[in-house]
Amino acid sequence: MLILIPIFFLSFSLNAKNIYEFSDENLENDFIELSREVSCPLCAGSSIAESDSDIANDLKNLIFKELENGKTPKEIKNNLIQLYGEGILFMPENKISIFILYGFPLLLIIIGISFLFNFSKK
């Protein structure tokens, strides 16, 4: 019975991660980069590289298979955007959405400062 106690605690220290065997080191680097760029649909604010949820593991498996089948990272990103929408990526590909994301608050600040400047003159 005492032998089971260390085995019990040892089981918590072991981490069950998916191990992918790549045919090329460049594919492995592409996989790591893509898994950091793709956000987990279930976990808010984390990438699929950081998440161990079922959907994150499914997305990692999908990326692995598509990379091994010869698809480029750009093609894989486009497929994921078609399936999940542009919110699947941490940094959107669409330049208009980037402008809206960063430009609109800046525009509001400029308008607010101009109103304050005009009212302070009067």
N, C-alpha and C. Protein backbone atom coordinates (compact mmCIF):
# COMPACT_ATOMS: atom_id res chain seq x y z
N MET A 1 0.82 -1.21 0.00
CA MET A 1 0.00 0.00 0.00
C MET A 1 0.86 1.26 0.00
N LEU A 2 1.97 1.26 0.74
CA LEU A 2 2.85 2.42 0.80
C LEU A 2 3.53 2.69 -0.54
N ILE A 3 3.68 1.68 -1.35
CA ILE A 3 4.32 1.86 -2.66
C ILE A 3 3.41 2.66 -3.60
N LEU A 4 2.12 2.65 -3.38
CA LEU A 4 1.18 3.36 -4.25
C LEU A 4 1.19 4.86 -4.04
N ILE A 5 1.59 5.31 -2.86
CA ILE A 5 1.60 6.75 -2.57
C ILE A 5 2.59 7.49 -3.47
N PRO A 6 3.85 7.06 -3.59
CA PRO A 6 4.75 7.78 -4.52
C PRO A 6 4.29 7.69 -5.97
N ILE A 7 3.70 6.58 -6.36
CA ILE A 7 3.21 6.44 -7.73
C ILE A 7 2.06 7.41 -7.97
N PHE A 8 1.22 7.58 -6.98
CA PHE A 8 0.10 8.51 -7.08
C PHE A 8 0.60 9.94 -7.30
N PHE A 9 1.58 10.39 -6.50
CA PHE A 9 2.10 11.74 -6.64
C PHE A 9 2.95 11.91 -7.89
N LEU A 10 3.62 10.86 -8.31
CA LEU A 10 4.41 10.91 -9.53
C LEU A 10 3.52 11.09 -10.76
N SER A 11 2.32 10.53 -10.70
CA SER A 11 1.41 10.66 -11.83
C SER A 11 0.99 12.11 -12.08
N PHE A 12 0.99 12.94 -11.02
CA PHE A 12 0.65 14.35 -11.20
C PHE A 12 1.79 15.13 -11.85
N SER A 13 3.01 14.68 -11.65
CA SER A 13 4.14 15.42 -12.20
C SER A 13 4.37 15.11 -13.68
N LEU A 14 3.84 14.01 -14.17
CA LEU A 14 4.00 13.67 -15.57
C LEU A 14 2.99 14.46 -16.39
N ASN A 15 3.44 14.99 -17.48
CA ASN A 15 2.58 15.82 -18.31
C ASN A 15 2.32 15.08 -19.61
N ALA A 16 1.07 14.83 -19.90
CA ALA A 16 0.70 14.11 -21.13
C ALA A 16 0.51 15.11 -22.25
N LYS A 17 1.55 15.30 -23.04
CA LYS A 17 1.51 16.20 -24.18
C LYS A 17 1.50 15.40 -25.46
N ASN A 18 0.90 15.98 -26.48
CA ASN A 18 0.96 15.35 -27.79
C ASN A 18 2.37 15.51 -28.35
N ILE A 19 2.92 14.42 -28.80
CA ILE A 19 4.25 14.46 -29.38
C ILE A 19 4.10 14.26 -30.88
N TYR A 20 4.60 15.24 -31.62
CA TYR A 20 4.51 15.19 -33.06
C TYR A 20 5.90 14.92 -33.62
N GLU A 21 5.99 13.98 -34.52
CA GLU A 21 7.25 13.68 -35.17
C GLU A 21 7.20 14.24 -36.59
N PHE A 22 8.00 15.27 -36.82
CA PHE A 22 8.01 15.96 -38.09
C PHE A 22 9.06 15.37 -39.01
N SER A 23 8.78 15.40 -40.29
CA SER A 23 9.73 14.91 -41.28
C SER A 23 10.81 15.93 -41.58
N ASP A 24 10.59 17.20 -41.18
CA ASP A 24 11.53 18.27 -41.47
C ASP A 24 11.53 19.26 -40.31
N GLU A 25 12.67 19.84 -40.03
CA GLU A 25 12.77 20.81 -38.93
C GLU A 25 12.01 22.10 -39.26
N ASN A 26 11.96 22.47 -40.53
CA ASN A 26 11.21 23.66 -40.93
C ASN A 26 9.72 23.49 -40.67
N LEU A 27 9.21 22.28 -40.87
CA LEU A 27 7.80 22.02 -40.57
C LEU A 27 7.53 22.16 -39.08
N GLU A 28 8.47 21.71 -38.28
CA GLU A 28 8.31 21.84 -36.83
C GLU A 28 8.29 23.31 -36.41
N ASN A 29 9.17 24.11 -37.01
CA ASN A 29 9.18 25.54 -36.71
C ASN A 29 7.89 26.22 -37.16
N ASP A 30 7.39 25.83 -38.33
CA ASP A 30 6.10 26.37 -38.81
C ASP A 30 4.97 25.98 -37.87
N PHE A 31 5.00 24.73 -37.39
CA PHE A 31 3.97 24.25 -36.46
C PHE A 31 3.99 25.06 -35.16
N ILE A 32 5.17 25.30 -34.63
CA ILE A 32 5.29 26.06 -33.38
C ILE A 32 4.79 27.49 -33.58
N GLU A 33 5.18 28.09 -34.69
CA GLU A 33 4.74 29.46 -34.97
C GLU A 33 3.22 29.54 -35.16
N LEU A 34 2.67 28.61 -35.92
CA LEU A 34 1.22 28.62 -36.15
C LEU A 34 0.45 28.36 -34.85
N SER A 35 0.94 27.45 -34.04
CA SER A 35 0.22 27.15 -32.80
C SER A 35 0.27 28.31 -31.82
N ARG A 36 1.23 29.20 -31.97
CA ARG A 36 1.27 30.41 -31.14
C ARG A 36 0.41 31.53 -31.71
N GLU A 37 0.18 31.52 -33.02
CA GLU A 37 -0.63 32.56 -33.66
C GLU A 37 -2.12 32.28 -33.61
N VAL A 38 -2.50 31.02 -33.49
CA VAL A 38 -3.91 30.63 -33.51
C VAL A 38 -4.44 30.62 -32.08
N SER A 39 -5.52 31.34 -31.85
CA SER A 39 -6.10 31.39 -30.51
C SER A 39 -7.05 30.21 -30.31
N CYS A 40 -7.15 29.81 -29.08
CA CYS A 40 -8.04 28.70 -28.73
C CYS A 40 -9.48 29.21 -28.71
N PRO A 41 -10.38 28.56 -29.44
CA PRO A 41 -11.77 29.02 -29.44
C PRO A 41 -12.46 28.87 -28.08
N LEU A 42 -11.95 27.98 -27.25
CA LEU A 42 -12.58 27.73 -25.96
C LEU A 42 -11.98 28.59 -24.86
N CYS A 43 -10.67 28.74 -24.86
CA CYS A 43 -9.96 29.47 -23.80
C CYS A 43 -9.77 30.92 -24.22
N ALA A 44 -10.23 31.82 -23.42
CA ALA A 44 -10.11 33.24 -23.75
C ALA A 44 -8.68 33.72 -23.53
N GLY A 45 -8.09 34.28 -24.57
CA GLY A 45 -6.78 34.90 -24.44
C GLY A 45 -5.59 33.97 -24.47
N SER A 46 -5.77 32.73 -24.85
CA SER A 46 -4.62 31.83 -24.92
C SER A 46 -4.56 31.18 -26.29
N SER A 47 -3.35 30.84 -26.67
CA SER A 47 -3.17 30.19 -27.96
C SER A 47 -3.39 28.69 -27.80
N ILE A 48 -3.44 28.01 -28.93
CA ILE A 48 -3.61 26.55 -28.85
C ILE A 48 -2.34 25.89 -28.33
N ALA A 49 -1.21 26.58 -28.42
CA ALA A 49 0.03 26.05 -27.86
C ALA A 49 -0.04 26.02 -26.34
N GLU A 50 -0.75 26.95 -25.74
CA GLU A 50 -0.86 27.05 -24.29
C GLU A 50 -2.01 26.23 -23.73
N SER A 51 -2.93 25.82 -24.57
CA SER A 51 -4.15 25.18 -24.12
C SER A 51 -4.09 23.66 -24.30
N ASP A 52 -4.70 22.95 -23.38
CA ASP A 52 -4.82 21.50 -23.49
C ASP A 52 -6.27 21.07 -23.68
N SER A 53 -7.12 21.99 -24.11
CA SER A 53 -8.52 21.63 -24.33
C SER A 53 -8.63 20.72 -25.55
N ASP A 54 -9.75 20.05 -25.66
CA ASP A 54 -9.95 19.11 -26.77
C ASP A 54 -9.90 19.82 -28.12
N ILE A 55 -10.53 20.98 -28.21
CA ILE A 55 -10.54 21.69 -29.49
C ILE A 55 -9.15 22.19 -29.85
N ALA A 56 -8.35 22.60 -28.85
CA ALA A 56 -6.98 23.04 -29.13
C ALA A 56 -6.14 21.86 -29.63
N ASN A 57 -6.33 20.70 -29.02
CA ASN A 57 -5.61 19.51 -29.49
C ASN A 57 -6.05 19.11 -30.89
N ASP A 58 -7.34 19.25 -31.18
CA ASP A 58 -7.82 18.95 -32.53
C ASP A 58 -7.22 19.91 -33.56
N LEU A 59 -7.13 21.20 -33.19
CA LEU A 59 -6.53 22.17 -34.11
C LEU A 59 -5.05 21.90 -34.31
N LYS A 60 -4.35 21.50 -33.24
CA LYS A 60 -2.93 21.16 -33.38
C LYS A 60 -2.76 19.95 -34.30
N ASN A 61 -3.62 18.96 -34.13
CA ASN A 61 -3.55 17.78 -35.01
C ASN A 61 -3.84 18.16 -36.46
N LEU A 62 -4.81 19.04 -36.67
CA LEU A 62 -5.14 19.50 -38.02
C LEU A 62 -3.96 20.23 -38.65
N ILE A 63 -3.34 21.13 -37.89
CA ILE A 63 -2.19 21.87 -38.40
C ILE A 63 -1.05 20.92 -38.72
N PHE A 64 -0.80 19.96 -37.84
CA PHE A 64 0.27 18.99 -38.07
C PHE A 64 0.03 18.20 -39.35
N LYS A 65 -1.18 17.71 -39.52
CA LYS A 65 -1.49 16.91 -40.72
C LYS A 65 -1.37 17.74 -42.00
N GLU A 66 -1.87 18.97 -41.95
CA GLU A 66 -1.81 19.80 -43.15
C GLU A 66 -0.37 20.21 -43.49
N LEU A 67 0.46 20.46 -42.48
CA LEU A 67 1.86 20.76 -42.74
C LEU A 67 2.57 19.56 -43.35
N GLU A 68 2.28 18.38 -42.83
CA GLU A 68 2.91 17.16 -43.35
C GLU A 68 2.41 16.84 -44.77
N ASN A 69 1.21 17.30 -45.10
CA ASN A 69 0.68 17.08 -46.45
C ASN A 69 1.16 18.12 -47.45
N GLY A 70 2.00 19.05 -47.02
CA GLY A 70 2.61 20.00 -47.94
C GLY A 70 1.95 21.36 -48.03
N LYS A 71 0.98 21.65 -47.18
CA LYS A 71 0.36 22.97 -47.21
C LYS A 71 1.26 23.99 -46.53
N THR A 72 1.18 25.22 -47.02
CA THR A 72 1.97 26.31 -46.43
C THR A 72 1.23 26.88 -45.22
N PRO A 73 1.95 27.55 -44.33
CA PRO A 73 1.27 28.18 -43.19
C PRO A 73 0.20 29.17 -43.60
N LYS A 74 0.42 29.89 -44.71
CA LYS A 74 -0.59 30.85 -45.20
C LYS A 74 -1.87 30.13 -45.61
N GLU A 75 -1.75 28.99 -46.29
CA GLU A 75 -2.93 28.22 -46.68
C GLU A 75 -3.67 27.68 -45.46
N ILE A 76 -2.92 27.25 -44.47
CA ILE A 76 -3.55 26.74 -43.25
C ILE A 76 -4.29 27.85 -42.52
N LYS A 77 -3.68 29.04 -42.43
CA LYS A 77 -4.35 30.18 -41.80
C LYS A 77 -5.64 30.53 -42.54
N ASN A 78 -5.59 30.53 -43.87
CA ASN A 78 -6.79 30.84 -44.65
C ASN A 78 -7.88 29.81 -44.41
N ASN A 79 -7.53 28.54 -44.31
CA ASN A 79 -8.52 27.50 -44.02
C ASN A 79 -9.13 27.69 -42.64
N LEU A 80 -8.31 28.03 -41.65
CA LEU A 80 -8.82 28.24 -40.30
C LEU A 80 -9.73 29.47 -40.25
N ILE A 81 -9.38 30.52 -41.01
CA ILE A 81 -10.23 31.71 -41.06
C ILE A 81 -11.57 31.38 -41.69
N GLN A 82 -11.57 30.54 -42.73
CA GLN A 82 -12.84 30.13 -43.35
C GLN A 82 -13.69 29.32 -42.39
N LEU A 83 -13.06 28.49 -41.57
CA LEU A 83 -13.82 27.64 -40.64
C LEU A 83 -14.31 28.41 -39.42
N TYR A 84 -13.45 29.24 -38.82
CA TYR A 84 -13.75 29.85 -37.53
C TYR A 84 -13.92 31.37 -37.58
N GLY A 85 -13.60 31.98 -38.69
CA GLY A 85 -13.66 33.44 -38.76
C GLY A 85 -12.31 34.03 -38.41
N GLU A 86 -12.19 35.33 -38.61
CA GLU A 86 -10.91 35.99 -38.41
C GLU A 86 -10.50 36.08 -36.95
N GLY A 87 -11.44 35.84 -36.04
CA GLY A 87 -11.13 35.87 -34.62
C GLY A 87 -10.27 34.72 -34.15
N ILE A 88 -10.04 33.73 -35.01
CA ILE A 88 -9.21 32.58 -34.63
C ILE A 88 -7.74 32.98 -34.54
N LEU A 89 -7.35 34.07 -35.22
CA LEU A 89 -5.97 34.53 -35.18
C LEU A 89 -5.83 35.65 -34.16
N PHE A 90 -4.69 35.68 -33.47
CA PHE A 90 -4.45 36.77 -32.53
C PHE A 90 -4.28 38.10 -33.25
N MET A 91 -3.60 38.10 -34.38
CA MET A 91 -3.43 39.31 -35.18
C MET A 91 -4.17 39.12 -36.48
N PRO A 92 -5.24 39.87 -36.71
CA PRO A 92 -6.05 39.67 -37.91
C PRO A 92 -5.27 39.96 -39.19
N GLU A 93 -5.59 39.21 -40.23
CA GLU A 93 -4.94 39.38 -41.52
C GLU A 93 -5.50 40.59 -42.27
N ASN A 94 -6.74 40.92 -42.02
CA ASN A 94 -7.42 42.00 -42.73
C ASN A 94 -6.89 43.36 -42.27
N LYS A 95 -6.39 44.14 -43.19
CA LYS A 95 -5.80 45.44 -42.84
C LYS A 95 -6.86 46.45 -42.38
N ILE A 96 -8.08 46.33 -42.88
CA ILE A 96 -9.15 47.25 -42.48
C ILE A 96 -9.50 47.03 -41.01
N SER A 97 -9.55 45.78 -40.58
CA SER A 97 -9.86 45.51 -39.18
C SER A 97 -8.75 45.99 -38.25
N ILE A 98 -7.50 45.94 -38.71
CA ILE A 98 -6.40 46.47 -37.90
C ILE A 98 -6.53 47.98 -37.78
N PHE A 99 -6.89 48.65 -38.88
CA PHE A 99 -7.09 50.10 -38.84
C PHE A 99 -8.21 50.46 -37.87
N ILE A 100 -9.30 49.74 -37.94
CA ILE A 100 -10.43 50.01 -37.05
C ILE A 100 -10.03 49.74 -35.60
N LEU A 101 -9.29 48.67 -35.39
CA LEU A 101 -8.90 48.29 -34.04
C LEU A 101 -8.02 49.35 -33.39
N TYR A 102 -7.05 49.86 -34.14
CA TYR A 102 -6.13 50.83 -33.57
C TYR A 102 -6.43 52.27 -33.96
N GLY A 103 -7.02 52.48 -35.12
CA GLY A 103 -7.24 53.84 -35.60
C GLY A 103 -8.46 54.51 -35.01
N PHE A 104 -9.53 53.77 -34.79
CA PHE A 104 -10.76 54.38 -34.29
C PHE A 104 -10.58 54.99 -32.90
N PRO A 105 -9.98 54.29 -31.94
CA PRO A 105 -9.77 54.95 -30.63
C PRO A 105 -8.87 56.18 -30.73
N LEU A 106 -7.87 56.12 -31.60
CA LEU A 106 -7.00 57.27 -31.79
C LEU A 106 -7.78 58.44 -32.39
N LEU A 107 -8.67 58.15 -33.33
CA LEU A 107 -9.51 59.18 -33.93
C LEU A 107 -10.43 59.81 -32.87
N LEU A 108 -10.98 58.99 -31.99
CA LEU A 108 -11.84 59.53 -30.92
C LEU A 108 -11.05 60.43 -29.97
N ILE A 109 -9.83 60.07 -29.67
CA ILE A 109 -9.00 60.90 -28.80
C ILE A 109 -8.71 62.24 -29.46
N ILE A 110 -8.40 62.23 -30.74
CA ILE A 110 -8.12 63.48 -31.47
C ILE A 110 -9.35 64.37 -31.50
N ILE A 111 -10.52 63.79 -31.76
CA ILE A 111 -11.77 64.56 -31.78
C ILE A 111 -12.05 65.14 -30.40
N GLY A 112 -11.84 64.34 -29.36
CA GLY A 112 -12.06 64.83 -27.99
C GLY A 112 -11.13 65.96 -27.62
N ILE A 113 -9.88 65.86 -28.00
CA ILE A 113 -8.91 66.93 -27.70
C ILE A 113 -9.28 68.20 -28.46
N SER A 114 -9.73 68.06 -29.71
CA SER A 114 -10.12 69.25 -30.48
C SER A 114 -11.34 69.93 -29.87
N PHE A 115 -12.31 69.14 -29.38
CA PHE A 115 -13.47 69.74 -28.71
C PHE A 115 -13.04 70.47 -27.44
N LEU A 116 -12.17 69.87 -26.66
CA LEU A 116 -11.70 70.52 -25.44
C LEU A 116 -10.94 71.80 -25.77
N PHE A 117 -10.13 71.78 -26.81
CA PHE A 117 -9.37 72.96 -27.21
C PHE A 117 -10.30 74.07 -27.67
N ASN A 118 -11.34 73.73 -28.46
CA ASN A 118 -12.30 74.74 -28.94
C ASN A 118 -13.13 75.32 -27.81
N PHE A 119 -13.54 74.50 -26.86
CA PHE A 119 -14.36 74.99 -25.74
C PHE A 119 -13.53 75.81 -24.75
N SER A 120 -12.25 75.50 -24.64
CA SER A 120 -11.42 76.26 -23.72
C SER A 120 -11.09 77.64 -24.26
N LYS A 121 -11.14 77.83 -25.59
CA LYS A 121 -10.92 79.15 -26.19
C LYS A 121 -12.09 80.09 -25.91
N LYS A 122 -13.29 79.55 -25.88
CA LYS A 122 -14.49 80.37 -25.71
C LYS A 122 -14.61 80.73 -24.28
